[in-house]
PDBML (XML) file of the C-alpha atoms, coordinates in Angstrom:
<?xml version="1.0" encoding="UTF-8" ?>
<PDBx:datablock datablockName="MODEL"
   xmlns:PDBx="http://pdbml.pdb.org/schema/pdbx-v50.xsd"
   xmlns:xsi="http://www.w3.org/2001/XMLSchema-instance"
   xsi:schemaLocation="http://pdbml.pdb.org/schema/pdbx-v50.xsd pdbx-v50.xsd">
   <PDBx:atom_siteCategory>
      <PDBx:atom_site id="1">
         <PDBx:B_iso_or_equiv>0.00</PDBx:B_iso_or_equiv>
         <PDBx:Cartn_x>97.429</PDBx:Cartn_x>
         <PDBx:Cartn_y>96.530</PDBx:Cartn_y>
         <PDBx:Cartn_z>125.657</PDBx:Cartn_z>
         <PDBx:auth_asym_id>A</PDBx:auth_asym_id>
         <PDBx:auth_atom_id>CA</PDBx:auth_atom_id>
         <PDBx:auth_comp_id>UNK</PDBx:auth_comp_id>
         <PDBx:auth_seq_id>1</PDBx:auth_seq_id>
         <PDBx:group_PDB>ATOM</PDBx:group_PDB>
         <PDBx:label_alt_id xsi:nil="true" />
         <PDBx:label_asym_id>A</PDBx:label_asym_id>
         <PDBx:label_atom_id>CA</PDBx:label_atom_id>
         <PDBx:label_comp_id>UNK</PDBx:label_comp_id>
         <PDBx:label_entity_id>1</PDBx:label_entity_id>
         <PDBx:label_seq_id>1</PDBx:label_seq_id>
         <PDBx:occupancy>1.00</PDBx:occupancy>
         <PDBx:pdbx_PDB_model_num>1</PDBx:pdbx_PDB_model_num>
         <PDBx:type_symbol>C</PDBx:type_symbol>
      </PDBx:atom_site>
      <PDBx:atom_site id="2">
         <PDBx:B_iso_or_equiv>0.00</PDBx:B_iso_or_equiv>
         <PDBx:Cartn_x>96.810</PDBx:Cartn_x>
         <PDBx:Cartn_y>94.874</PDBx:Cartn_y>
         <PDBx:Cartn_z>128.959</PDBx:Cartn_z>
         <PDBx:auth_asym_id>A</PDBx:auth_asym_id>
         <PDBx:auth_atom_id>CA</PDBx:auth_atom_id>
         <PDBx:auth_comp_id>UNK</PDBx:auth_comp_id>
         <PDBx:auth_seq_id>2</PDBx:auth_seq_id>
         <PDBx:group_PDB>ATOM</PDBx:group_PDB>
         <PDBx:label_alt_id xsi:nil="true" />
         <PDBx:label_asym_id>A</PDBx:label_asym_id>
         <PDBx:label_atom_id>CA</PDBx:label_atom_id>
         <PDBx:label_comp_id>UNK</PDBx:label_comp_id>
         <PDBx:label_entity_id>1</PDBx:label_entity_id>
         <PDBx:label_seq_id>2</PDBx:label_seq_id>
         <PDBx:occupancy>1.00</PDBx:occupancy>
         <PDBx:pdbx_PDB_model_num>1</PDBx:pdbx_PDB_model_num>
         <PDBx:type_symbol>C</PDBx:type_symbol>
      </PDBx:atom_site>
      <PDBx:atom_site id="3">
         <PDBx:B_iso_or_equiv>0.00</PDBx:B_iso_or_equiv>
         <PDBx:Cartn_x>95.454</PDBx:Cartn_x>
         <PDBx:Cartn_y>91.692</PDBx:Cartn_y>
         <PDBx:Cartn_z>130.989</PDBx:Cartn_z>
         <PDBx:auth_asym_id>A</PDBx:auth_asym_id>
         <PDBx:auth_atom_id>CA</PDBx:auth_atom_id>
         <PDBx:auth_comp_id>UNK</PDBx:auth_comp_id>
         <PDBx:auth_seq_id>3</PDBx:auth_seq_id>
         <PDBx:group_PDB>ATOM</PDBx:group_PDB>
         <PDBx:label_alt_id xsi:nil="true" />
         <PDBx:label_asym_id>A</PDBx:label_asym_id>
         <PDBx:label_atom_id>CA</PDBx:label_atom_id>
         <PDBx:label_comp_id>UNK</PDBx:label_comp_id>
         <PDBx:label_entity_id>1</PDBx:label_entity_id>
         <PDBx:label_seq_id>3</PDBx:label_seq_id>
         <PDBx:occupancy>1.00</PDBx:occupancy>
         <PDBx:pdbx_PDB_model_num>1</PDBx:pdbx_PDB_model_num>
         <PDBx:type_symbol>C</PDBx:type_symbol>
      </PDBx:atom_site>
      <PDBx:atom_site id="4">
         <PDBx:B_iso_or_equiv>0.00</PDBx:B_iso_or_equiv>
         <PDBx:Cartn_x>95.023</PDBx:Cartn_x>
         <PDBx:Cartn_y>90.395</PDBx:Cartn_y>
         <PDBx:Cartn_z>134.577</PDBx:Cartn_z>
         <PDBx:auth_asym_id>A</PDBx:auth_asym_id>
         <PDBx:auth_atom_id>CA</PDBx:auth_atom_id>
         <PDBx:auth_comp_id>UNK</PDBx:auth_comp_id>
         <PDBx:auth_seq_id>4</PDBx:auth_seq_id>
         <PDBx:group_PDB>ATOM</PDBx:group_PDB>
         <PDBx:label_alt_id xsi:nil="true" />
         <PDBx:label_asym_id>A</PDBx:label_asym_id>
         <PDBx:label_atom_id>CA</PDBx:label_atom_id>
         <PDBx:label_comp_id>UNK</PDBx:label_comp_id>
         <PDBx:label_entity_id>1</PDBx:label_entity_id>
         <PDBx:label_seq_id>4</PDBx:label_seq_id>
         <PDBx:occupancy>1.00</PDBx:occupancy>
         <PDBx:pdbx_PDB_model_num>1</PDBx:pdbx_PDB_model_num>
         <PDBx:type_symbol>C</PDBx:type_symbol>
      </PDBx:atom_site>
      <PDBx:atom_site id="5">
         <PDBx:B_iso_or_equiv>0.00</PDBx:B_iso_or_equiv>
         <PDBx:Cartn_x>94.025</PDBx:Cartn_x>
         <PDBx:Cartn_y>86.622</PDBx:Cartn_y>
         <PDBx:Cartn_z>134.965</PDBx:Cartn_z>
         <PDBx:auth_asym_id>A</PDBx:auth_asym_id>
         <PDBx:auth_atom_id>CA</PDBx:auth_atom_id>
         <PDBx:auth_comp_id>UNK</PDBx:auth_comp_id>
         <PDBx:auth_seq_id>5</PDBx:auth_seq_id>
         <PDBx:group_PDB>ATOM</PDBx:group_PDB>
         <PDBx:label_alt_id xsi:nil="true" />
         <PDBx:label_asym_id>A</PDBx:label_asym_id>
         <PDBx:label_atom_id>CA</PDBx:label_atom_id>
         <PDBx:label_comp_id>UNK</PDBx:label_comp_id>
         <PDBx:label_entity_id>1</PDBx:label_entity_id>
         <PDBx:label_seq_id>5</PDBx:label_seq_id>
         <PDBx:occupancy>1.00</PDBx:occupancy>
         <PDBx:pdbx_PDB_model_num>1</PDBx:pdbx_PDB_model_num>
         <PDBx:type_symbol>C</PDBx:type_symbol>
      </PDBx:atom_site>
      <PDBx:atom_site id="6">
         <PDBx:B_iso_or_equiv>0.00</PDBx:B_iso_or_equiv>
         <PDBx:Cartn_x>91.487</PDBx:Cartn_x>
         <PDBx:Cartn_y>85.642</PDBx:Cartn_y>
         <PDBx:Cartn_z>137.514</PDBx:Cartn_z>
         <PDBx:auth_asym_id>A</PDBx:auth_asym_id>
         <PDBx:auth_atom_id>CA</PDBx:auth_atom_id>
         <PDBx:auth_comp_id>UNK</PDBx:auth_comp_id>
         <PDBx:auth_seq_id>6</PDBx:auth_seq_id>
         <PDBx:group_PDB>ATOM</PDBx:group_PDB>
         <PDBx:label_alt_id xsi:nil="true" />
         <PDBx:label_asym_id>A</PDBx:label_asym_id>
         <PDBx:label_atom_id>CA</PDBx:label_atom_id>
         <PDBx:label_comp_id>UNK</PDBx:label_comp_id>
         <PDBx:label_entity_id>1</PDBx:label_entity_id>
         <PDBx:label_seq_id>6</PDBx:label_seq_id>
         <PDBx:occupancy>1.00</PDBx:occupancy>
         <PDBx:pdbx_PDB_model_num>1</PDBx:pdbx_PDB_model_num>
         <PDBx:type_symbol>C</PDBx:type_symbol>
      </PDBx:atom_site>
      <PDBx:atom_site id="7">
         <PDBx:B_iso_or_equiv>0.00</PDBx:B_iso_or_equiv>
         <PDBx:Cartn_x>94.347</PDBx:Cartn_x>
         <PDBx:Cartn_y>85.387</PDBx:Cartn_y>
         <PDBx:Cartn_z>140.759</PDBx:Cartn_z>
         <PDBx:auth_asym_id>A</PDBx:auth_asym_id>
         <PDBx:auth_atom_id>CA</PDBx:auth_atom_id>
         <PDBx:auth_comp_id>UNK</PDBx:auth_comp_id>
         <PDBx:auth_seq_id>7</PDBx:auth_seq_id>
         <PDBx:group_PDB>ATOM</PDBx:group_PDB>
         <PDBx:label_alt_id xsi:nil="true" />
         <PDBx:label_asym_id>A</PDBx:label_asym_id>
         <PDBx:label_atom_id>CA</PDBx:label_atom_id>
         <PDBx:label_comp_id>UNK</PDBx:label_comp_id>
         <PDBx:label_entity_id>1</PDBx:label_entity_id>
         <PDBx:label_seq_id>7</PDBx:label_seq_id>
         <PDBx:occupancy>1.00</PDBx:occupancy>
         <PDBx:pdbx_PDB_model_num>1</PDBx:pdbx_PDB_model_num>
         <PDBx:type_symbol>C</PDBx:type_symbol>
      </PDBx:atom_site>
      <PDBx:atom_site id="8">
         <PDBx:B_iso_or_equiv>0.00</PDBx:B_iso_or_equiv>
         <PDBx:Cartn_x>95.539</PDBx:Cartn_x>
         <PDBx:Cartn_y>89.098</PDBx:Cartn_y>
         <PDBx:Cartn_z>139.642</PDBx:Cartn_z>
         <PDBx:auth_asym_id>A</PDBx:auth_asym_id>
         <PDBx:auth_atom_id>CA</PDBx:auth_atom_id>
         <PDBx:auth_comp_id>UNK</PDBx:auth_comp_id>
         <PDBx:auth_seq_id>8</PDBx:auth_seq_id>
         <PDBx:group_PDB>ATOM</PDBx:group_PDB>
         <PDBx:label_alt_id xsi:nil="true" />
         <PDBx:label_asym_id>A</PDBx:label_asym_id>
         <PDBx:label_atom_id>CA</PDBx:label_atom_id>
         <PDBx:label_comp_id>UNK</PDBx:label_comp_id>
         <PDBx:label_entity_id>1</PDBx:label_entity_id>
         <PDBx:label_seq_id>8</PDBx:label_seq_id>
         <PDBx:occupancy>1.00</PDBx:occupancy>
         <PDBx:pdbx_PDB_model_num>1</PDBx:pdbx_PDB_model_num>
         <PDBx:type_symbol>C</PDBx:type_symbol>
      </PDBx:atom_site>
      <PDBx:atom_site id="9">
         <PDBx:B_iso_or_equiv>0.00</PDBx:B_iso_or_equiv>
         <PDBx:Cartn_x>98.725</PDBx:Cartn_x>
         <PDBx:Cartn_y>88.412</PDBx:Cartn_y>
         <PDBx:Cartn_z>137.706</PDBx:Cartn_z>
         <PDBx:auth_asym_id>A</PDBx:auth_asym_id>
         <PDBx:auth_atom_id>CA</PDBx:auth_atom_id>
         <PDBx:auth_comp_id>UNK</PDBx:auth_comp_id>
         <PDBx:auth_seq_id>9</PDBx:auth_seq_id>
         <PDBx:group_PDB>ATOM</PDBx:group_PDB>
         <PDBx:label_alt_id xsi:nil="true" />
         <PDBx:label_asym_id>A</PDBx:label_asym_id>
         <PDBx:label_atom_id>CA</PDBx:label_atom_id>
         <PDBx:label_comp_id>UNK</PDBx:label_comp_id>
         <PDBx:label_entity_id>1</PDBx:label_entity_id>
         <PDBx:label_seq_id>9</PDBx:label_seq_id>
         <PDBx:occupancy>1.00</PDBx:occupancy>
         <PDBx:pdbx_PDB_model_num>1</PDBx:pdbx_PDB_model_num>
         <PDBx:type_symbol>C</PDBx:type_symbol>
      </PDBx:atom_site>
      <PDBx:atom_site id="10">
         <PDBx:B_iso_or_equiv>0.00</PDBx:B_iso_or_equiv>
         <PDBx:Cartn_x>98.471</PDBx:Cartn_x>
         <PDBx:Cartn_y>91.272</PDBx:Cartn_y>
         <PDBx:Cartn_z>135.083</PDBx:Cartn_z>
         <PDBx:auth_asym_id>A</PDBx:auth_asym_id>
         <PDBx:auth_atom_id>CA</PDBx:auth_atom_id>
         <PDBx:auth_comp_id>UNK</PDBx:auth_comp_id>
         <PDBx:auth_seq_id>10</PDBx:auth_seq_id>
         <PDBx:group_PDB>ATOM</PDBx:group_PDB>
         <PDBx:label_alt_id xsi:nil="true" />
         <PDBx:label_asym_id>A</PDBx:label_asym_id>
         <PDBx:label_atom_id>CA</PDBx:label_atom_id>
         <PDBx:label_comp_id>UNK</PDBx:label_comp_id>
         <PDBx:label_entity_id>1</PDBx:label_entity_id>
         <PDBx:label_seq_id>10</PDBx:label_seq_id>
         <PDBx:occupancy>1.00</PDBx:occupancy>
         <PDBx:pdbx_PDB_model_num>1</PDBx:pdbx_PDB_model_num>
         <PDBx:type_symbol>C</PDBx:type_symbol>
      </PDBx:atom_site>
      <PDBx:atom_site id="11">
         <PDBx:B_iso_or_equiv>0.00</PDBx:B_iso_or_equiv>
         <PDBx:Cartn_x>100.579</PDBx:Cartn_x>
         <PDBx:Cartn_y>91.215</PDBx:Cartn_y>
         <PDBx:Cartn_z>131.536</PDBx:Cartn_z>
         <PDBx:auth_asym_id>A</PDBx:auth_asym_id>
         <PDBx:auth_atom_id>CA</PDBx:auth_atom_id>
         <PDBx:auth_comp_id>UNK</PDBx:auth_comp_id>
         <PDBx:auth_seq_id>11</PDBx:auth_seq_id>
         <PDBx:group_PDB>ATOM</PDBx:group_PDB>
         <PDBx:label_alt_id xsi:nil="true" />
         <PDBx:label_asym_id>A</PDBx:label_asym_id>
         <PDBx:label_atom_id>CA</PDBx:label_atom_id>
         <PDBx:label_comp_id>UNK</PDBx:label_comp_id>
         <PDBx:label_entity_id>1</PDBx:label_entity_id>
         <PDBx:label_seq_id>11</PDBx:label_seq_id>
         <PDBx:occupancy>1.00</PDBx:occupancy>
         <PDBx:pdbx_PDB_model_num>1</PDBx:pdbx_PDB_model_num>
         <PDBx:type_symbol>C</PDBx:type_symbol>
      </PDBx:atom_site>
      <PDBx:atom_site id="12">
         <PDBx:B_iso_or_equiv>0.00</PDBx:B_iso_or_equiv>
         <PDBx:Cartn_x>101.166</PDBx:Cartn_x>
         <PDBx:Cartn_y>94.652</PDBx:Cartn_y>
         <PDBx:Cartn_z>129.764</PDBx:Cartn_z>
         <PDBx:auth_asym_id>A</PDBx:auth_asym_id>
         <PDBx:auth_atom_id>CA</PDBx:auth_atom_id>
         <PDBx:auth_comp_id>UNK</PDBx:auth_comp_id>
         <PDBx:auth_seq_id>12</PDBx:auth_seq_id>
         <PDBx:group_PDB>ATOM</PDBx:group_PDB>
         <PDBx:label_alt_id xsi:nil="true" />
         <PDBx:label_asym_id>A</PDBx:label_asym_id>
         <PDBx:label_atom_id>CA</PDBx:label_atom_id>
         <PDBx:label_comp_id>UNK</PDBx:label_comp_id>
         <PDBx:label_entity_id>1</PDBx:label_entity_id>
         <PDBx:label_seq_id>12</PDBx:label_seq_id>
         <PDBx:occupancy>1.00</PDBx:occupancy>
         <PDBx:pdbx_PDB_model_num>1</PDBx:pdbx_PDB_model_num>
         <PDBx:type_symbol>C</PDBx:type_symbol>
      </PDBx:atom_site>
      <PDBx:atom_site id="13">
         <PDBx:B_iso_or_equiv>0.00</PDBx:B_iso_or_equiv>
         <PDBx:Cartn_x>102.025</PDBx:Cartn_x>
         <PDBx:Cartn_y>95.674</PDBx:Cartn_y>
         <PDBx:Cartn_z>126.403</PDBx:Cartn_z>
         <PDBx:auth_asym_id>A</PDBx:auth_asym_id>
         <PDBx:auth_atom_id>CA</PDBx:auth_atom_id>
         <PDBx:auth_comp_id>UNK</PDBx:auth_comp_id>
         <PDBx:auth_seq_id>13</PDBx:auth_seq_id>
         <PDBx:group_PDB>ATOM</PDBx:group_PDB>
         <PDBx:label_alt_id xsi:nil="true" />
         <PDBx:label_asym_id>A</PDBx:label_asym_id>
         <PDBx:label_atom_id>CA</PDBx:label_atom_id>
         <PDBx:label_comp_id>UNK</PDBx:label_comp_id>
         <PDBx:label_entity_id>1</PDBx:label_entity_id>
         <PDBx:label_seq_id>13</PDBx:label_seq_id>
         <PDBx:occupancy>1.00</PDBx:occupancy>
         <PDBx:pdbx_PDB_model_num>1</PDBx:pdbx_PDB_model_num>
         <PDBx:type_symbol>C</PDBx:type_symbol>
      </PDBx:atom_site>
      <PDBx:atom_site id="14">
         <PDBx:B_iso_or_equiv>0.00</PDBx:B_iso_or_equiv>
         <PDBx:Cartn_x>105.746</PDBx:Cartn_x>
         <PDBx:Cartn_y>97.090</PDBx:Cartn_y>
         <PDBx:Cartn_z>126.168</PDBx:Cartn_z>
         <PDBx:auth_asym_id>A</PDBx:auth_asym_id>
         <PDBx:auth_atom_id>CA</PDBx:auth_atom_id>
         <PDBx:auth_comp_id>UNK</PDBx:auth_comp_id>
         <PDBx:auth_seq_id>14</PDBx:auth_seq_id>
         <PDBx:group_PDB>ATOM</PDBx:group_PDB>
         <PDBx:label_alt_id xsi:nil="true" />
         <PDBx:label_asym_id>A</PDBx:label_asym_id>
         <PDBx:label_atom_id>CA</PDBx:label_atom_id>
         <PDBx:label_comp_id>UNK</PDBx:label_comp_id>
         <PDBx:label_entity_id>1</PDBx:label_entity_id>
         <PDBx:label_seq_id>14</PDBx:label_seq_id>
         <PDBx:occupancy>1.00</PDBx:occupancy>
         <PDBx:pdbx_PDB_model_num>1</PDBx:pdbx_PDB_model_num>
         <PDBx:type_symbol>C</PDBx:type_symbol>
      </PDBx:atom_site>
      <PDBx:atom_site id="15">
         <PDBx:B_iso_or_equiv>0.00</PDBx:B_iso_or_equiv>
         <PDBx:Cartn_x>104.382</PDBx:Cartn_x>
         <PDBx:Cartn_y>100.529</PDBx:Cartn_y>
         <PDBx:Cartn_z>124.991</PDBx:Cartn_z>
         <PDBx:auth_asym_id>A</PDBx:auth_asym_id>
         <PDBx:auth_atom_id>CA</PDBx:auth_atom_id>
         <PDBx:auth_comp_id>UNK</PDBx:auth_comp_id>
         <PDBx:auth_seq_id>15</PDBx:auth_seq_id>
         <PDBx:group_PDB>ATOM</PDBx:group_PDB>
         <PDBx:label_alt_id xsi:nil="true" />
         <PDBx:label_asym_id>A</PDBx:label_asym_id>
         <PDBx:label_atom_id>CA</PDBx:label_atom_id>
         <PDBx:label_comp_id>UNK</PDBx:label_comp_id>
         <PDBx:label_entity_id>1</PDBx:label_entity_id>
         <PDBx:label_seq_id>15</PDBx:label_seq_id>
         <PDBx:occupancy>1.00</PDBx:occupancy>
         <PDBx:pdbx_PDB_model_num>1</PDBx:pdbx_PDB_model_num>
         <PDBx:type_symbol>C</PDBx:type_symbol>
      </PDBx:atom_site>
      <PDBx:atom_site id="16">
         <PDBx:B_iso_or_equiv>0.00</PDBx:B_iso_or_equiv>
         <PDBx:Cartn_x>101.969</PDBx:Cartn_x>
         <PDBx:Cartn_y>101.066</PDBx:Cartn_y>
         <PDBx:Cartn_z>128.444</PDBx:Cartn_z>
         <PDBx:auth_asym_id>A</PDBx:auth_asym_id>
         <PDBx:auth_atom_id>CA</PDBx:auth_atom_id>
         <PDBx:auth_comp_id>UNK</PDBx:auth_comp_id>
         <PDBx:auth_seq_id>16</PDBx:auth_seq_id>
         <PDBx:group_PDB>ATOM</PDBx:group_PDB>
         <PDBx:label_alt_id xsi:nil="true" />
         <PDBx:label_asym_id>A</PDBx:label_asym_id>
         <PDBx:label_atom_id>CA</PDBx:label_atom_id>
         <PDBx:label_comp_id>UNK</PDBx:label_comp_id>
         <PDBx:label_entity_id>1</PDBx:label_entity_id>
         <PDBx:label_seq_id>16</PDBx:label_seq_id>
         <PDBx:occupancy>1.00</PDBx:occupancy>
         <PDBx:pdbx_PDB_model_num>1</PDBx:pdbx_PDB_model_num>
         <PDBx:type_symbol>C</PDBx:type_symbol>
      </PDBx:atom_site>
      <PDBx:atom_site id="17">
         <PDBx:B_iso_or_equiv>0.00</PDBx:B_iso_or_equiv>
         <PDBx:Cartn_x>104.677</PDBx:Cartn_x>
         <PDBx:Cartn_y>99.434</PDBx:Cartn_y>
         <PDBx:Cartn_z>131.078</PDBx:Cartn_z>
         <PDBx:auth_asym_id>A</PDBx:auth_asym_id>
         <PDBx:auth_atom_id>CA</PDBx:auth_atom_id>
         <PDBx:auth_comp_id>UNK</PDBx:auth_comp_id>
         <PDBx:auth_seq_id>17</PDBx:auth_seq_id>
         <PDBx:group_PDB>ATOM</PDBx:group_PDB>
         <PDBx:label_alt_id xsi:nil="true" />
         <PDBx:label_asym_id>A</PDBx:label_asym_id>
         <PDBx:label_atom_id>CA</PDBx:label_atom_id>
         <PDBx:label_comp_id>UNK</PDBx:label_comp_id>
         <PDBx:label_entity_id>1</PDBx:label_entity_id>
         <PDBx:label_seq_id>17</PDBx:label_seq_id>
         <PDBx:occupancy>1.00</PDBx:occupancy>
         <PDBx:pdbx_PDB_model_num>1</PDBx:pdbx_PDB_model_num>
         <PDBx:type_symbol>C</PDBx:type_symbol>
      </PDBx:atom_site>
      <PDBx:atom_site id="18">
         <PDBx:B_iso_or_equiv>0.00</PDBx:B_iso_or_equiv>
         <PDBx:Cartn_x>105.306</PDBx:Cartn_x>
         <PDBx:Cartn_y>101.546</PDBx:Cartn_y>
         <PDBx:Cartn_z>133.903</PDBx:Cartn_z>
         <PDBx:auth_asym_id>A</PDBx:auth_asym_id>
         <PDBx:auth_atom_id>CA</PDBx:auth_atom_id>
         <PDBx:auth_comp_id>UNK</PDBx:auth_comp_id>
         <PDBx:auth_seq_id>18</PDBx:auth_seq_id>
         <PDBx:group_PDB>ATOM</PDBx:group_PDB>
         <PDBx:label_alt_id xsi:nil="true" />
         <PDBx:label_asym_id>A</PDBx:label_asym_id>
         <PDBx:label_atom_id>CA</PDBx:label_atom_id>
         <PDBx:label_comp_id>UNK</PDBx:label_comp_id>
         <PDBx:label_entity_id>1</PDBx:label_entity_id>
         <PDBx:label_seq_id>18</PDBx:label_seq_id>
         <PDBx:occupancy>1.00</PDBx:occupancy>
         <PDBx:pdbx_PDB_model_num>1</PDBx:pdbx_PDB_model_num>
         <PDBx:type_symbol>C</PDBx:type_symbol>
      </PDBx:atom_site>
      <PDBx:atom_site id="19">
         <PDBx:B_iso_or_equiv>0.00</PDBx:B_iso_or_equiv>
         <PDBx:Cartn_x>102.210</PDBx:Cartn_x>
         <PDBx:Cartn_y>104.006</PDBx:Cartn_y>
         <PDBx:Cartn_z>132.814</PDBx:Cartn_z>
         <PDBx:auth_asym_id>A</PDBx:auth_asym_id>
         <PDBx:auth_atom_id>CA</PDBx:auth_atom_id>
         <PDBx:auth_comp_id>UNK</PDBx:auth_comp_id>
         <PDBx:auth_seq_id>19</PDBx:auth_seq_id>
         <PDBx:group_PDB>ATOM</PDBx:group_PDB>
         <PDBx:label_alt_id xsi:nil="true" />
         <PDBx:label_asym_id>A</PDBx:label_asym_id>
         <PDBx:label_atom_id>CA</PDBx:label_atom_id>
         <PDBx:label_comp_id>UNK</PDBx:label_comp_id>
         <PDBx:label_entity_id>1</PDBx:label_entity_id>
         <PDBx:label_seq_id>19</PDBx:label_seq_id>
         <PDBx:occupancy>1.00</PDBx:occupancy>
         <PDBx:pdbx_PDB_model_num>1</PDBx:pdbx_PDB_model_num>
         <PDBx:type_symbol>C</PDBx:type_symbol>
      </PDBx:atom_site>
      <PDBx:atom_site id="20">
         <PDBx:B_iso_or_equiv>0.00</PDBx:B_iso_or_equiv>
         <PDBx:Cartn_x>98.885</PDBx:Cartn_x>
         <PDBx:Cartn_y>101.455</PDBx:Cartn_y>
         <PDBx:Cartn_z>132.938</PDBx:Cartn_z>
         <PDBx:auth_asym_id>A</PDBx:auth_asym_id>
         <PDBx:auth_atom_id>CA</PDBx:auth_atom_id>
         <PDBx:auth_comp_id>UNK</PDBx:auth_comp_id>
         <PDBx:auth_seq_id>20</PDBx:auth_seq_id>
         <PDBx:group_PDB>ATOM</PDBx:group_PDB>
         <PDBx:label_alt_id xsi:nil="true" />
         <PDBx:label_asym_id>A</PDBx:label_asym_id>
         <PDBx:label_atom_id>CA</PDBx:label_atom_id>
         <PDBx:label_comp_id>UNK</PDBx:label_comp_id>
         <PDBx:label_entity_id>1</PDBx:label_entity_id>
         <PDBx:label_seq_id>20</PDBx:label_seq_id>
         <PDBx:occupancy>1.00</PDBx:occupancy>
         <PDBx:pdbx_PDB_model_num>1</PDBx:pdbx_PDB_model_num>
         <PDBx:type_symbol>C</PDBx:type_symbol>
      </PDBx:atom_site>
      <PDBx:atom_site id="21">
         <PDBx:B_iso_or_equiv>0.00</PDBx:B_iso_or_equiv>
         <PDBx:Cartn_x>98.034</PDBx:Cartn_x>
         <PDBx:Cartn_y>99.908</PDBx:Cartn_y>
         <PDBx:Cartn_z>135.836</PDBx:Cartn_z>
         <PDBx:auth_asym_id>A</PDBx:auth_asym_id>
         <PDBx:auth_atom_id>CA</PDBx:auth_atom_id>
         <PDBx:auth_comp_id>UNK</PDBx:auth_comp_id>
         <PDBx:auth_seq_id>21</PDBx:auth_seq_id>
         <PDBx:group_PDB>ATOM</PDBx:group_PDB>
         <PDBx:label_alt_id xsi:nil="true" />
         <PDBx:label_asym_id>A</PDBx:label_asym_id>
         <PDBx:label_atom_id>CA</PDBx:label_atom_id>
         <PDBx:label_comp_id>UNK</PDBx:label_comp_id>
         <PDBx:label_entity_id>1</PDBx:label_entity_id>
         <PDBx:label_seq_id>21</PDBx:label_seq_id>
         <PDBx:occupancy>1.00</PDBx:occupancy>
         <PDBx:pdbx_PDB_model_num>1</PDBx:pdbx_PDB_model_num>
         <PDBx:type_symbol>C</PDBx:type_symbol>
      </PDBx:atom_site>
      <PDBx:atom_site id="22">
         <PDBx:B_iso_or_equiv>0.00</PDBx:B_iso_or_equiv>
         <PDBx:Cartn_x>95.373</PDBx:Cartn_x>
         <PDBx:Cartn_y>96.934</PDBx:Cartn_y>
         <PDBx:Cartn_z>134.943</PDBx:Cartn_z>
         <PDBx:auth_asym_id>A</PDBx:auth_asym_id>
         <PDBx:auth_atom_id>CA</PDBx:auth_atom_id>
         <PDBx:auth_comp_id>UNK</PDBx:auth_comp_id>
         <PDBx:auth_seq_id>22</PDBx:auth_seq_id>
         <PDBx:group_PDB>ATOM</PDBx:group_PDB>
         <PDBx:label_alt_id xsi:nil="true" />
         <PDBx:label_asym_id>A</PDBx:label_asym_id>
         <PDBx:label_atom_id>CA</PDBx:label_atom_id>
         <PDBx:label_comp_id>UNK</PDBx:label_comp_id>
         <PDBx:label_entity_id>1</PDBx:label_entity_id>
         <PDBx:label_seq_id>22</PDBx:label_seq_id>
         <PDBx:occupancy>1.00</PDBx:occupancy>
         <PDBx:pdbx_PDB_model_num>1</PDBx:pdbx_PDB_model_num>
         <PDBx:type_symbol>C</PDBx:type_symbol>
      </PDBx:atom_site>
      <PDBx:atom_site id="23">
         <PDBx:B_iso_or_equiv>0.00</PDBx:B_iso_or_equiv>
         <PDBx:Cartn_x>92.754</PDBx:Cartn_x>
         <PDBx:Cartn_y>95.870</PDBx:Cartn_y>
         <PDBx:Cartn_z>137.863</PDBx:Cartn_z>
         <PDBx:auth_asym_id>A</PDBx:auth_asym_id>
         <PDBx:auth_atom_id>CA</PDBx:auth_atom_id>
         <PDBx:auth_comp_id>UNK</PDBx:auth_comp_id>
         <PDBx:auth_seq_id>23</PDBx:auth_seq_id>
         <PDBx:group_PDB>ATOM</PDBx:group_PDB>
         <PDBx:label_alt_id xsi:nil="true" />
         <PDBx:label_asym_id>A</PDBx:label_asym_id>
         <PDBx:label_atom_id>CA</PDBx:label_atom_id>
         <PDBx:label_comp_id>UNK</PDBx:label_comp_id>
         <PDBx:label_entity_id>1</PDBx:label_entity_id>
         <PDBx:label_seq_id>23</PDBx:label_seq_id>
         <PDBx:occupancy>1.00</PDBx:occupancy>
         <PDBx:pdbx_PDB_model_num>1</PDBx:pdbx_PDB_model_num>
         <PDBx:type_symbol>C</PDBx:type_symbol>
      </PDBx:atom_site>
      <PDBx:atom_site id="24">
         <PDBx:B_iso_or_equiv>0.00</PDBx:B_iso_or_equiv>
         <PDBx:Cartn_x>89.598</PDBx:Cartn_x>
         <PDBx:Cartn_y>94.362</PDBx:Cartn_y>
         <PDBx:Cartn_z>138.754</PDBx:Cartn_z>
         <PDBx:auth_asym_id>A</PDBx:auth_asym_id>
         <PDBx:auth_atom_id>CA</PDBx:auth_atom_id>
         <PDBx:auth_comp_id>UNK</PDBx:auth_comp_id>
         <PDBx:auth_seq_id>24</PDBx:auth_seq_id>
         <PDBx:group_PDB>ATOM</PDBx:group_PDB>
         <PDBx:label_alt_id xsi:nil="true" />
         <PDBx:label_asym_id>A</PDBx:label_asym_id>
         <PDBx:label_atom_id>CA</PDBx:label_atom_id>
         <PDBx:label_comp_id>UNK</PDBx:label_comp_id>
         <PDBx:label_entity_id>1</PDBx:label_entity_id>
         <PDBx:label_seq_id>24</PDBx:label_seq_id>
         <PDBx:occupancy>1.00</PDBx:occupancy>
         <PDBx:pdbx_PDB_model_num>1</PDBx:pdbx_PDB_model_num>
         <PDBx:type_symbol>C</PDBx:type_symbol>
      </PDBx:atom_site>
      <PDBx:atom_site id="25">
         <PDBx:B_iso_or_equiv>0.00</PDBx:B_iso_or_equiv>
         <PDBx:Cartn_x>87.285</PDBx:Cartn_x>
         <PDBx:Cartn_y>93.791</PDBx:Cartn_y>
         <PDBx:Cartn_z>140.844</PDBx:Cartn_z>
         <PDBx:auth_asym_id>A</PDBx:auth_asym_id>
         <PDBx:auth_atom_id>CA</PDBx:auth_atom_id>
         <PDBx:auth_comp_id>UNK</PDBx:auth_comp_id>
         <PDBx:auth_seq_id>25</PDBx:auth_seq_id>
         <PDBx:group_PDB>ATOM</PDBx:group_PDB>
         <PDBx:label_alt_id xsi:nil="true" />
         <PDBx:label_asym_id>A</PDBx:label_asym_id>
         <PDBx:label_atom_id>CA</PDBx:label_atom_id>
         <PDBx:label_comp_id>UNK</PDBx:label_comp_id>
         <PDBx:label_entity_id>1</PDBx:label_entity_id>
         <PDBx:label_seq_id>25</PDBx:label_seq_id>
         <PDBx:occupancy>1.00</PDBx:occupancy>
         <PDBx:pdbx_PDB_model_num>1</PDBx:pdbx_PDB_model_num>
         <PDBx:type_symbol>C</PDBx:type_symbol>
      </PDBx:atom_site>
   </PDBx:atom_siteCategory>
</PDBx:datablock>
């Protein structure tokens, strides 16, 4: 669905772009 790198860059599957947000602490 989505991924996030160690430095914070993100990827989203097309169907969820603009609706989902991935983050990490």
